[in-house]
Amino acid sequence: MADPVAGDRFAARPWLAAYPPAVPAEIEVERLGTLVDLVDRSIAAFADRPALISFGKSVSYRELGASAEAVSSWLGSQGLAKGDRVALMMPNVAAYPAALLGALIAGCTAVNVNPLYTPRELIGQLEDSGAKVLFVLENFAHTVAEALPKLPRLERIVLVGPGDGLGLKGKVIDFASRYVKRAVPSFQLPPAKATRFLAVLKGGSKLPRHRIAVTPDDLAFLQYTGGTTGIAKAAMLTHRNIVANVEQSRIWFQVSGDDGELRTMVTALPLYHIFALTACFFFFLKIGGCCLLIANPRDVDGFVKTLASSKFTHLSGVNTLFNLLLNHPKLHTVDFSRADGYHIAGGMAVQAAVAAKWKAATGKALIEGYGLSETSPVVSVNPVDLKEWSGSIGYPVSSTEVAIRDAEGRDLPYGEAGELCVRGPQVMAGYWNRPDETRHAMTADGFFRTGDVATMSETGSIRIVDRMKDMILVSGFNVYPNEVEDVLAKHPSVLECAVVGARCDDGEIVVAHVVIKGEGVAPDVLKAHAREQLTGYKVPRRIVFHDSLPKTNVGKVLRRALRDQDPA
């Protein structure tokens, strides 16, 4: 089939022919309103349904709404105005959604912060965002105390207990400590700046209702990028961006809250990550679903125990999380037959070996999707009725245009690898305080340059090749780490692996960083395994063994950190 000219091709959008019958080419963005409108509608429609489950206790939509209103009123009493930034530094505990929704109702912009940040990282993000208020889980308050002298613009700190908002104070906190690593702080925050979350709820509930009118163009989030390839910067996500992406997802998965069915999403990825924030929390909030909050998925024993005792219908995660569960000896205690919804994977490339093992263990195919912080995040998803993992990232969702372009910005033919570029209502307004970065990231015709190398088939299905910045140049040939990792992961002795480039006299060589399981395996054995499936220049020249690999907060391997080691 001859490749049509680019303009005609992307006007036609070949992926539309692969859409399920009920999925439209476009969504009506303007009728969606704001995130506050979404919250108001859901609380009114689903008041008595459980919105959250945390540490075995549920929070109804009505209770969540009341807590959010109290937080909003308290923020108003502290003098916060429309557009002021409110930072949230917590794992998945019940207070997080209440504080988040309260900030949005108050007209503020939410700033999600990784609670594992060091003082240096925290200072950088809070100073860059200009946050005036910080909600922080008390376990991580020592970091705030150390950073505080260099945070002159931070006016108030709200300390959150793991069980706050669940109604069982002491018992729940003790129960929660098994899931959240607790550090006994040896410090005192200034009394004038610090207060407790329960005091915010109690005091705010007695104040007049505080609501600030927001528009779809107002900033809802400063969502800092994961920083896996460089310094983190904040994507400016508007209310329109997020509500559009929620609606795009709802239409793709063909669900609503009108059928009376209670859907429960296992929310193990942190809510401060864009995947969980939109695809789990706001999406399930819109359809009257429930988020089963996992505060510490790294406690895999506790995680599996929770899964075994819960009635969940849906599950989301990244490749490393699925791999972690697959290697747990008690995964068989989880009854996946009750989980009649989808198991969705994103955040990083799914490896074929992990997908195959997951299907064998659970009976469910992993439905892989793709997105970024800058796209709210969903760009494309595989069909919901997928029987086997496809290896692709599926098709662009409604109202989304995708182009594969070369270094000069020209559209490439089907099947040829180039940079994946995206245009749609979910694409960010730009980078906070970084106009030069924004100009570099956006094309003249309004596409966002993702920095990912991809190909598109004639049907519009997209396949990610790798990150452009992670590509290895070996004797003039391009080597994509994902391909090599996928091969190595199939060896029975490999638990996880990451492939990077290392400098040599004539360019770069391929280096594999490997974590093994069971008895040791010689490097030459792994090289021979790779050589069976890869051409010579792609085979790792060096194998480096580790007890564990450096990862981001959501489990994505930090290739940059491995490159920096530059082993001899």
Protein backbone atom coordinates (compact mmCIF):
# COMPACT_ATOMS: atom_id res chain seq x y z
CA MET A 1 0.00 0.00 0.00
CA ALA A 2 1.45 3.35 -1.00
CA ASP A 3 1.94 5.78 1.83
CA PRO A 4 -0.32 8.82 1.37
CA VAL A 5 1.06 12.29 1.81
CA ALA A 6 1.41 13.25 5.44
CA GLY A 7 -1.33 15.85 5.46
CA ASP A 8 -3.90 13.45 4.05
CA ARG A 9 -2.71 10.60 6.27
CA PHE A 10 -3.10 12.46 9.54
CA ALA A 11 -6.30 14.14 8.48
CA ALA A 12 -7.70 10.64 7.83
CA ARG A 13 -6.30 9.20 11.07
CA PRO A 14 -5.98 5.53 10.08
CA TRP A 15 -6.48 4.34 13.66
CA LEU A 16 -10.14 5.36 13.59
CA ALA A 17 -11.00 2.26 11.55
CA ALA A 18 -9.74 0.12 14.45
CA TYR A 19 -11.95 1.85 17.03
CA PRO A 20 -14.72 -0.16 18.70
CA PRO A 21 -18.14 0.88 17.29
CA ALA A 22 -19.12 2.98 20.31
CA VAL A 23 -15.88 5.00 20.46
CA PRO A 24 -16.19 8.33 18.60
CA ALA A 25 -13.41 10.11 16.74
CA GLU A 26 -13.90 13.23 18.86
CA ILE A 27 -15.07 14.12 22.36
CA GLU A 28 -17.02 17.24 23.31
CA VAL A 29 -14.39 18.88 25.48
CA GLU A 30 -16.22 22.13 26.18
CA ARG A 31 -19.19 20.44 27.87
CA LEU A 32 -16.95 18.70 30.43
CA GLY A 33 -16.30 21.73 32.64
CA THR A 34 -13.61 21.53 35.33
CA LEU A 35 -12.33 18.99 37.82
CA VAL A 36 -14.44 20.68 40.47
CA ASP A 37 -17.53 20.08 38.32
CA LEU A 38 -16.48 16.43 37.95
CA VAL A 39 -16.10 16.07 41.72
CA ASP A 40 -19.43 17.77 42.47
CA ARG A 41 -21.33 15.56 40.04
CA SER A 42 -19.80 12.35 41.37
CA ILE A 43 -20.38 13.17 45.03
CA ALA A 44 -24.01 13.98 44.29
CA ALA A 45 -24.56 10.85 42.19
CA PHE A 46 -22.60 8.32 44.26
CA ALA A 47 -22.79 9.72 47.80
CA ASP A 48 -23.14 6.37 49.57
CA ARG A 49 -20.67 4.39 47.47
CA PRO A 50 -17.12 3.77 48.71
CA ALA A 51 -14.71 6.17 47.02
CA LEU A 52 -11.57 4.89 48.75
CA ILE A 53 -10.35 1.91 50.70
CA SER A 54 -7.27 2.48 52.83
CA PHE A 55 -5.84 0.04 55.37
CA GLY A 56 -9.03 -2.00 55.24
CA LYS A 57 -11.36 0.96 55.92
CA SER A 58 -13.59 2.61 53.34
CA VAL A 59 -14.41 6.28 52.78
CA SER A 60 -17.67 7.12 51.02
CA TYR A 61 -18.09 9.79 48.37
CA ARG A 62 -20.09 11.85 50.86
CA GLU A 63 -17.32 11.60 53.48
CA LEU A 64 -14.62 12.42 50.94
CA GLY A 65 -16.60 15.45 49.78
CA ALA A 66 -17.05 16.72 53.34
CA SER A 67 -13.32 16.39 54.05
CA ALA A 68 -12.44 18.18 50.82
CA GLU A 69 -14.80 21.04 51.66
CA ALA A 70 -13.21 21.35 55.11
CA VAL A 71 -9.72 21.51 53.58
CA SER A 72 -10.90 24.16 51.12
CA SER A 73 -12.40 26.29 53.88
CA TRP A 74 -9.22 26.01 55.95
CA LEU A 75 -7.06 27.04 52.97
CA GLY A 76 -9.30 30.05 52.48
CA SER A 77 -8.90 30.98 56.14
CA GLN A 78 -5.12 30.95 55.64
CA GLY A 79 -5.42 33.60 52.96
CA LEU A 80 -4.71 31.44 49.92
CA ALA A 81 -5.97 32.96 46.68
CA LYS A 82 -6.86 31.54 43.31
CA GLY A 83 -3.83 30.05 41.61
CA ASP A 84 -1.72 29.74 44.76
CA ARG A 85 0.21 26.48 44.87
CA VAL A 86 -0.49 23.76 47.43
CA ALA A 87 2.04 20.92 47.63
CA LEU A 88 1.17 17.32 48.57
CA MET A 89 3.95 15.05 49.85
CA MET A 90 2.30 11.74 50.71
CA PRO A 91 2.03 8.15 49.54
CA ASN A 92 -1.40 6.60 48.94
CA VAL A 93 -3.20 7.35 52.20
CA ALA A 94 -6.79 8.52 52.63
CA ALA A 95 -5.80 12.11 53.42
CA TYR A 96 -4.22 12.56 50.00
CA PRO A 97 -7.47 12.70 47.94
CA ALA A 98 -9.15 14.92 50.54
CA ALA A 99 -6.28 17.42 50.56
CA LEU A 100 -6.01 17.33 46.76
CA LEU A 101 -9.71 17.92 46.12
CA GLY A 102 -9.81 20.60 48.83
CA ALA A 103 -7.00 22.48 47.09
CA LEU A 104 -8.80 22.33 43.73
CA ILE A 105 -12.11 23.47 45.23
CA ALA A 106 -10.26 26.42 46.79
CA GLY A 107 -9.06 27.41 43.32
CA CYS A 108 -5.46 26.46 44.06
CA THR A 109 -2.95 24.62 41.88
CA ALA A 110 -1.79 21.26 43.25
CA VAL A 111 1.90 20.37 43.24
CA ASN A 112 2.55 16.64 43.64
CA VAL A 113 5.77 15.85 45.50
CA ASN A 114 7.55 12.53 45.84
CA PRO A 115 7.72 11.84 49.62
CA LEU A 116 11.05 10.07 49.17
CA TYR A 117 12.72 13.27 48.03
CA THR A 118 15.86 14.43 49.77
CA PRO A 119 15.92 17.92 51.31
CA ARG A 120 17.80 19.21 48.25
CA GLU A 121 15.19 17.84 45.85
CA LEU A 122 12.33 19.13 47.99
CA ILE A 123 13.82 22.63 48.13
CA GLY A 124 14.23 22.66 44.36
CA GLN A 125 10.61 21.68 43.67
CA LEU A 126 8.94 23.87 46.31
CA GLU A 127 11.02 26.90 45.41
CA ASP A 128 10.42 26.38 41.69
CA SER A 129 6.66 26.03 42.18
CA GLY A 130 6.37 28.72 44.84
CA ALA A 131 4.14 26.52 47.02
CA LYS A 132 2.70 28.28 50.06
CA VAL A 133 1.23 25.25 51.85
CA LEU A 134 2.60 21.71 52.15
CA PHE A 135 0.64 18.64 53.25
CA VAL A 136 3.17 15.98 54.30
CA LEU A 137 2.88 12.52 55.85
CA GLU A 138 4.46 12.77 59.29
CA ASN A 139 6.88 9.93 58.42
CA PHE A 140 8.66 12.28 56.03
CA ALA A 141 8.42 15.48 58.06
CA HIS A 142 12.10 15.24 59.03
CA THR A 143 12.94 16.02 55.40
CA VAL A 144 10.77 19.13 55.58
CA ALA A 145 12.40 20.22 58.84
CA GLU A 146 15.85 19.98 57.28
CA ALA A 147 14.77 21.86 54.17
CA LEU A 148 12.71 24.52 55.93
CA PRO A 149 15.45 27.16 56.41
CA LYS A 150 15.75 27.35 52.62
CA LEU A 151 11.98 27.53 51.99
CA PRO A 152 11.10 31.16 52.79
CA ARG A 153 7.91 31.10 50.71
CA LEU A 154 6.42 28.08 52.48
CA GLU A 155 3.88 29.53 54.90
CA ARG A 156 2.09 26.52 56.39
CA ILE A 157 2.88 22.81 56.91
CA VAL A 158 0.12 20.27 57.55
CA LEU A 159 1.27 17.02 59.19
CA VAL A 160 -0.73 13.97 58.14
CA GLY A 161 -0.99 10.67 60.01
CA PRO A 162 -1.29 7.44 57.97
CA GLY A 163 -4.76 6.77 59.35
CA ASP A 164 -6.10 10.33 59.27
CA GLY A 165 -9.57 10.53 57.81
CA LEU A 166 -10.44 6.89 58.50
CA GLY A 167 -12.05 7.39 61.90
CA LEU A 168 -9.93 4.92 63.90
CA LYS A 169 -6.98 6.89 65.14
CA GLY A 170 -4.58 4.79 67.18
CA LYS A 171 -5.51 1.38 65.84
CA VAL A 172 -5.34 2.42 62.22
CA ILE A 173 -1.99 4.18 62.69
CA ASP A 174 -0.53 1.01 64.20
CA PHE A 175 -2.00 -1.02 61.37
CA ALA A 176 -0.69 1.47 58.83
CA SER A 177 2.84 1.29 60.20
CA ARG A 178 3.20 -2.17 58.69
CA TYR A 179 2.80 -0.61 55.25
CA VAL A 180 4.48 2.78 55.64
CA LYS A 181 8.01 2.89 56.97
CA ARG A 182 7.83 5.12 60.00
CA ALA A 183 10.69 7.32 61.10
CA VAL A 184 10.52 8.80 64.60
CA PRO A 185 11.51 12.42 64.06
CA SER A 186 13.90 14.16 66.42
CA PHE A 187 12.79 17.65 65.55
CA GLN A 188 10.10 20.20 66.08
CA LEU A 189 8.58 22.23 63.31
CA PRO A 190 7.84 25.88 64.18
CA PRO A 191 4.40 25.91 65.89
CA ALA A 192 3.43 29.02 63.94
CA LYS A 193 3.86 27.13 60.67
CA ALA A 194 2.75 23.59 61.52
CA THR A 195 -0.65 22.07 62.19
CA ARG A 196 -2.20 18.61 62.14
CA PHE A 197 -4.44 17.37 59.32
CA LEU A 198 -7.14 16.33 61.79
CA ALA A 199 -7.11 19.89 63.16
CA VAL A 200 -7.54 21.18 59.59
CA LEU A 201 -10.58 18.93 59.11
CA LYS A 202 -12.09 19.89 62.47
CA GLY A 203 -11.44 23.60 62.09
CA GLY A 204 -12.37 23.75 58.42
CA SER A 205 -15.70 22.02 59.00
CA LYS A 206 -16.75 24.90 61.27
CA LEU A 207 -15.83 27.61 58.78
CA PRO A 208 -18.09 29.02 56.04
CA ARG A 209 -18.00 27.09 52.78
CA HIS A 210 -15.11 28.37 50.67
CA ARG A 211 -15.38 28.00 46.91
CA ILE A 212 -13.44 29.84 44.25
CA ALA A 213 -14.77 29.74 40.69
CA VAL A 214 -12.34 28.08 38.31
CA THR A 215 -12.39 27.78 34.55
CA PRO A 216 -11.22 24.96 32.26
CA ASP A 217 -8.13 27.04 31.39
CA ASP A 218 -7.00 27.44 35.01
CA LEU A 219 -4.02 25.41 36.17
CA ALA A 220 -5.00 22.33 38.16
CA PHE A 221 -1.53 20.80 38.54
CA LEU A 222 2.12 21.54 38.28
CA GLN A 223 3.11 17.97 37.47
CA TYR A 224 6.85 17.51 37.67
CA THR A 225 8.31 15.11 35.16
CA GLY A 226 9.93 11.94 36.42
CA GLY A 227 13.40 13.25 35.65
CA THR A 228 14.66 9.90 34.31
CA THR A 229 16.66 11.64 31.58
CA GLY A 230 17.40 15.03 33.10
CA ILE A 231 16.36 17.76 35.54
CA ALA A 232 12.69 17.60 36.48
CA LYS A 233 10.46 20.37 35.20
CA ALA A 234 6.77 21.02 35.79
CA ALA A 235 4.15 20.39 33.12
CA MET A 236 1.32 22.89 33.48
CA LEU A 237 -1.87 20.83 33.36
CA THR A 238 -5.14 22.69 33.19
CA HIS A 239 -8.54 21.54 34.38
CA ARG A 240 -9.42 21.03 30.70
CA ASN A 241 -6.39 18.78 30.17
CA ILE A 242 -7.33 16.39 32.96
CA VAL A 243 -11.11 16.27 32.44
CA ALA A 244 -10.54 15.69 28.72
CA ASN A 245 -8.17 12.80 29.41
CA VAL A 246 -10.57 11.27 31.91
CA GLU A 247 -13.36 11.43 29.32
CA GLN A 248 -11.08 10.01 26.61
CA SER A 249 -10.34 7.09 28.91
CA ARG A 250 -13.97 6.59 29.93
CA ILE A 251 -15.10 6.46 26.32
CA TRP A 252 -12.31 4.08 25.34
CA PHE A 253 -13.14 1.65 28.14
CA GLN A 254 -16.89 2.14 27.64
CA VAL A 255 -17.85 2.48 31.31
CA SER A 256 -20.03 4.79 33.32
CA GLY A 257 -21.50 4.90 36.78
CA ASP A 258 -25.05 4.56 35.50
CA ASP A 259 -25.07 0.76 35.41
CA GLY A 260 -24.85 0.50 39.21
CA GLU A 261 -21.79 -1.76 39.05
CA LEU A 262 -19.12 -1.11 41.69
CA ARG A 263 -15.65 -1.16 40.17
CA THR A 264 -12.57 -1.22 42.39
CA MET A 265 -9.15 -0.29 41.04
CA VAL A 266 -6.02 -1.54 42.79
CA THR A 267 -4.10 1.73 43.08
CA ALA A 268 -0.55 0.69 43.87
CA LEU A 269 1.18 3.37 41.84
CA PRO A 270 1.42 6.58 43.89
CA LEU A 271 -1.25 9.20 43.34
CA TYR A 272 1.46 11.82 42.96
CA HIS A 273 2.35 10.09 39.67
CA ILE A 274 0.27 11.17 36.69
CA PHE A 275 -0.68 7.60 35.70
CA ALA A 276 -2.38 6.83 39.01
CA LEU A 277 -3.69 10.38 39.41
CA THR A 278 -5.70 10.36 36.18
CA ALA A 279 -6.14 6.72 35.15
CA CYS A 280 -6.98 5.51 38.64
CA PHE A 281 -8.23 8.32 40.87
CA PHE A 282 -10.03 10.82 38.63
CA PHE A 283 -11.20 8.19 36.15
CA PHE A 284 -12.74 6.03 38.86
CA LEU A 285 -14.10 9.10 40.63
CA LYS A 286 -15.99 10.00 37.46
CA ILE A 287 -17.57 6.54 37.07
CA GLY A 288 -18.44 6.09 40.74
CA GLY A 289 -15.69 3.55 41.29
CA CYS A 290 -13.44 2.89 44.25
CA CYS A 291 -9.67 3.17 44.62
CA LEU A 292 -8.04 0.49 46.75
CA LEU A 293 -5.08 2.52 47.99
CA ILE A 294 -1.80 0.68 48.46
CA ALA A 295 0.42 2.89 50.61
CA ASN A 296 3.64 0.94 50.11
CA PRO A 297 3.73 -1.53 47.20
CA ARG A 298 7.41 -2.16 47.95
CA ASP A 299 6.20 -4.11 50.96
CA VAL A 300 5.29 -6.92 48.58
CA ASP A 301 4.28 -9.30 51.41
CA GLY A 302 1.70 -6.80 52.63
CA PHE A 303 0.66 -5.96 49.09
CA VAL A 304 -0.07 -9.60 48.20
CA LYS A 305 -1.89 -10.08 51.50
CA THR A 306 -4.11 -7.09 50.72
CA LEU A 307 -4.85 -8.39 47.22
CA ALA A 308 -5.73 -11.81 48.62
CA SER A 309 -8.26 -10.31 51.04
CA SER A 310 -9.79 -7.70 48.70
CA LYS A 311 -12.58 -7.78 46.13
CA PHE A 312 -10.98 -5.75 43.37
CA THR A 313 -12.09 -5.67 39.74
CA HIS A 314 -9.28 -3.73 38.03
CA LEU A 315 -5.53 -3.47 38.43
CA SER A 316 -2.90 -1.05 37.14
CA GLY A 317 0.87 -1.04 37.33
CA VAL A 318 4.21 -0.84 35.59
CA ASN A 319 6.33 -3.69 34.27
CA THR A 320 8.53 -3.86 37.39
CA LEU A 321 5.49 -4.05 39.67
CA PHE A 322 3.95 -6.93 37.73
CA ASN A 323 7.33 -8.68 37.72
CA LEU A 324 7.64 -8.17 41.49
CA LEU A 325 4.24 -9.79 42.06
CA LEU A 326 4.99 -12.66 39.69
CA ASN A 327 8.07 -13.56 41.71
CA HIS A 328 6.25 -13.58 45.06
CA PRO A 329 5.67 -17.11 46.44
CA LYS A 330 2.13 -16.34 47.62
CA LEU A 331 0.71 -14.78 44.47
CA HIS A 332 -1.35 -17.96 44.09
CA THR A 333 -3.40 -16.88 47.14
CA VAL A 334 -4.89 -14.01 45.11
CA ASP A 335 -8.17 -14.90 43.40
CA PHE A 336 -7.91 -13.16 40.04
CA SER A 337 -11.09 -14.83 38.81
CA ARG A 338 -13.04 -12.13 40.65
CA ALA A 339 -11.16 -9.38 38.82
CA ASP A 340 -13.35 -9.23 35.72
CA GLY A 341 -12.06 -5.80 34.69
CA TYR A 342 -8.89 -4.94 32.82
CA HIS A 343 -5.26 -5.10 33.96
CA ILE A 344 -3.59 -2.02 32.52
CA ALA A 345 0.14 -1.37 32.20
CA GLY A 346 1.91 1.89 31.49
CA GLY A 347 4.70 4.13 32.70
CA MET A 348 7.42 2.05 31.02
CA ALA A 349 7.73 -0.64 28.36
CA VAL A 350 6.20 -4.02 29.21
CA GLN A 351 8.57 -6.91 28.57
CA ALA A 352 7.24 -9.87 26.62
CA ALA A 353 8.41 -12.34 29.28
CA VAL A 354 6.52 -10.49 32.01
CA ALA A 355 3.36 -10.20 29.89
CA ALA A 356 3.39 -13.94 29.13
CA LYS A 357 3.92 -14.91 32.76
CA TRP A 358 1.18 -12.53 33.90
CA LYS A 359 -1.34 -14.04 31.50
CA ALA A 360 -0.39 -17.55 32.67
CA ALA A 361 -0.66 -16.61 36.36
CA THR A 362 -3.86 -14.53 36.25
CA GLY A 363 -5.66 -15.43 33.03
CA LYS A 364 -5.70 -11.75 32.07
CA ALA A 365 -3.76 -10.07 29.27
CA LEU A 366 -1.91 -6.89 30.13
CA ILE A 367 -3.45 -3.97 28.26
CA GLU A 368 -0.58 -1.64 27.56
CA GLY A 369 -1.09 2.07 27.14
CA TYR A 370 1.18 5.05 26.69
CA GLY A 371 1.38 8.53 28.09
CA LEU A 372 3.50 11.18 29.77
CA SER A 373 3.15 13.84 32.44
CA GLU A 374 2.88 16.37 29.61
CA THR A 375 -0.17 14.58 28.14
CA SER A 376 -2.19 14.14 31.34
CA PRO A 377 -1.10 11.23 30.62
CA VAL A 378 -3.05 8.98 28.22
CA VAL A 379 -2.14 9.20 24.52
CA SER A 380 -2.93 5.68 23.32
CA VAL A 381 -4.30 2.39 24.64
CA ASN A 382 -4.83 -1.13 23.36
CA PRO A 383 -8.40 -2.43 22.91
CA VAL A 384 -10.05 -3.35 26.19
CA ASP A 385 -11.04 -6.80 24.90
CA LEU A 386 -7.43 -7.71 24.11
CA LYS A 387 -6.85 -11.46 24.51
CA GLU A 388 -3.05 -11.44 24.35
CA TRP A 389 -0.47 -8.74 25.05
CA SER A 390 0.23 -7.08 21.71
CA GLY A 391 3.65 -5.50 22.17
CA SER A 392 2.25 -2.21 20.90
CA ILE A 393 0.89 0.78 22.83
CA GLY A 394 -2.39 0.57 20.94
CA TYR A 395 -4.25 3.34 19.15
CA PRO A 396 -4.57 7.06 19.89
CA VAL A 397 -7.62 7.87 21.99
CA SER A 398 -10.44 10.13 20.75
CA SER A 399 -9.55 13.71 19.75
CA THR A 400 -5.87 12.78 19.61
CA GLU A 401 -3.56 13.12 16.63
CA VAL A 402 -0.23 11.33 16.43
CA ALA A 403 2.63 11.85 13.97
CA ILE A 404 5.94 10.02 13.54
CA ARG A 405 8.54 12.56 12.46
CA ASP A 406 12.23 12.74 11.55
CA ALA A 407 14.79 15.16 12.98
CA GLU A 408 13.70 17.84 10.50
CA GLY A 409 10.05 17.54 11.49
CA ARG A 410 8.92 15.66 8.39
CA ASP A 411 6.26 12.96 8.68
CA LEU A 412 7.65 9.49 8.05
CA PRO A 413 6.10 6.55 6.17
CA TYR A 414 4.34 3.71 7.95
CA GLY A 415 6.75 1.37 9.70
CA GLU A 416 9.66 3.81 9.79
CA ALA A 417 11.02 4.84 13.21
CA GLY A 418 10.95 8.48 14.23
CA GLU A 419 9.95 10.77 17.08
CA LEU A 420 6.42 10.33 18.37
CA CYS A 421 4.57 13.67 18.35
CA VAL A 422 1.12 14.25 19.88
CA ARG A 423 -1.62 16.86 19.56
CA GLY A 424 -4.88 16.87 21.51
CA PRO A 425 -6.85 18.43 24.39
CA GLN A 426 -4.80 16.49 26.95
CA VAL A 427 -1.49 18.11 25.95
CA MET A 428 -0.12 20.50 28.59
CA ALA A 429 -0.19 24.28 28.41
CA GLY A 430 3.63 24.33 28.64
CA TYR A 431 6.42 24.04 31.19
CA TRP A 432 6.21 26.18 34.31
CA ASN A 433 8.61 29.14 34.13
CA ARG A 434 10.50 27.52 31.24
CA PRO A 435 9.43 29.21 27.99
CA ASP A 436 12.55 28.01 26.16
CA GLU A 437 11.83 24.40 27.13
CA THR A 438 8.21 24.84 26.02
CA ARG A 439 9.25 26.17 22.61
CA HIS A 440 11.66 23.27 22.15
CA ALA A 441 9.00 20.71 23.12
CA MET A 442 6.26 22.04 20.81
CA THR A 443 6.23 22.05 17.01
CA ALA A 444 5.03 24.96 14.89
CA ASP A 445 1.77 23.10 14.17
CA GLY A 446 1.02 22.42 17.84
CA PHE A 447 2.36 18.89 18.35
CA PHE A 448 4.19 17.91 21.53
CA ARG A 449 7.52 16.21 20.91
CA THR A 450 7.61 13.24 23.26
CA GLY A 451 11.27 12.29 22.87
CA ASP A 452 10.23 8.68 22.26
CA VAL A 453 11.14 6.75 19.13
CA ALA A 454 8.14 4.93 17.66
CA THR A 455 6.69 3.38 14.53
CA MET A 456 3.13 3.38 13.24
CA SER A 457 1.48 0.61 11.25
CA GLU A 458 -0.93 1.18 8.37
CA THR A 459 -3.80 0.57 10.78
CA GLY A 460 -2.59 3.31 13.12
CA SER A 461 -1.23 0.99 15.81
CA ILE A 462 1.83 2.48 17.51
CA ARG A 463 4.89 0.65 18.77
CA ILE A 464 7.50 2.31 20.99
CA VAL A 465 11.07 1.57 20.04
CA ASP A 466 12.82 3.44 22.86
CA ARG A 467 13.67 6.79 24.38
CA MET A 468 15.69 8.93 21.98
CA LYS A 469 18.11 9.87 24.77
CA ASP A 470 18.65 6.21 25.70
CA MET A 471 19.62 5.06 22.22
CA ILE A 472 23.13 3.56 22.00
CA LEU A 473 25.32 4.20 18.97
CA VAL A 474 27.55 1.18 18.28
CA SER A 475 29.92 1.57 15.31
CA GLY A 476 27.36 3.75 13.56
CA PHE A 477 24.44 1.41 14.27
CA ASN A 478 21.50 2.32 16.52
CA VAL A 479 20.85 -0.04 19.45
CA TYR A 480 17.62 0.39 21.41
CA PRO A 481 17.88 -0.78 25.04
CA ASN A 482 14.26 -2.02 25.18
CA GLU A 483 14.98 -4.67 22.55
CA VAL A 484 18.07 -6.01 24.33
CA GLU A 485 16.33 -5.93 27.73
CA ASP A 486 13.39 -7.84 26.32
CA VAL A 487 15.70 -10.63 25.16
CA LEU A 488 17.68 -10.82 28.41
CA ALA A 489 14.49 -10.86 30.50
CA LYS A 490 13.50 -14.13 28.87
CA HIS A 491 16.49 -15.95 30.42
CA PRO A 492 15.25 -17.97 33.43
CA SER A 493 18.04 -16.65 35.68
CA VAL A 494 17.26 -12.96 35.07
CA LEU A 495 14.98 -11.23 37.57
CA GLU A 496 15.31 -7.78 36.04
CA CYS A 497 17.73 -5.94 33.80
CA ALA A 498 18.58 -2.60 32.26
CA VAL A 499 20.74 -1.84 29.24
CA VAL A 500 22.76 1.34 28.72
CA GLY A 501 25.64 2.57 26.61
CA ALA A 502 29.17 3.07 27.88
CA ARG A 503 31.92 5.09 26.24
CA CYS A 504 34.75 3.38 24.42
CA ASP A 505 37.53 4.44 22.06
CA ASP A 506 35.37 4.25 18.94
CA GLY A 507 31.99 5.31 20.33
CA GLU A 508 29.82 3.22 22.65
CA ILE A 509 29.37 -0.38 23.73
CA VAL A 510 26.26 -2.12 25.09
CA VAL A 511 26.34 -2.78 28.86
CA ALA A 512 23.70 -4.90 30.61
CA HIS A 513 23.01 -4.37 34.30
CA VAL A 514 21.37 -7.51 35.66
CA VAL A 515 19.72 -8.77 38.85
CA ILE A 516 19.62 -12.56 38.94
CA LYS A 517 17.41 -15.00 40.81
CA GLY A 518 18.37 -18.39 42.16
CA GLU A 519 21.90 -19.61 41.61
CA GLY A 520 24.48 -17.48 39.87
CA VAL A 521 24.90 -17.40 36.12
CA ALA A 522 28.09 -16.60 34.23
CA PRO A 523 28.21 -13.45 32.07
CA ASP A 524 29.16 -15.54 29.05
CA VAL A 525 25.94 -17.55 29.44
CA LEU A 526 23.85 -14.40 29.22
CA LYS A 527 25.88 -13.13 26.27
CA ALA A 528 25.34 -16.42 24.46
CA HIS A 529 21.62 -16.22 25.17
CA ALA A 530 21.52 -12.71 23.71
CA ARG A 531 23.58 -13.75 20.70
CA GLU A 532 20.97 -16.34 19.76
CA GLN A 533 18.36 -13.63 19.21
CA LEU A 534 20.30 -10.44 18.47
CA THR A 535 22.70 -9.38 15.77
CA GLY A 536 26.29 -9.05 16.96
CA TYR A 537 26.51 -5.30 17.58
CA LYS A 538 23.43 -5.45 19.87
CA VAL A 539 24.86 -8.14 22.15
CA PRO A 540 26.09 -6.73 25.50
CA ARG A 541 29.86 -6.49 25.62
CA ARG A 542 29.74 -6.21 29.38
CA ILE A 543 27.44 -7.74 32.04
CA VAL A 544 27.29 -6.05 35.46
CA PHE A 545 25.51 -7.85 38.30
CA HIS A 546 23.57 -5.99 41.01
CA ASP A 547 21.50 -6.84 44.06
CA SER A 548 18.94 -4.27 42.84
CA LEU A 549 18.60 -1.60 40.17
CA PRO A 550 18.02 2.12 40.85
CA LYS A 551 14.41 3.06 40.20
CA THR A 552 12.07 6.03 40.21
CA ASN A 553 9.19 6.31 42.65
CA VAL A 554 6.97 4.22 40.36
CA GLY A 555 9.53 1.51 39.71
CA LYS A 556 10.92 2.71 36.38
CA VAL A 557 14.60 1.80 36.13
CA LEU A 558 16.89 4.83 36.13
CA ARG A 559 19.12 4.16 33.16
CA ARG A 560 20.78 7.53 33.69
CA ALA A 561 22.03 6.48 37.11
CA LEU A 562 23.50 3.31 35.61
CA ARG A 563 25.18 5.25 32.81
CA ASP A 564 26.74 7.56 35.39
CA GLN A 565 28.42 4.57 37.04
CA ASP A 566 30.33 3.90 33.79
CA PRO A 567 31.80 0.60 35.05
CA ALA A 568 35.36 -0.27 34.10
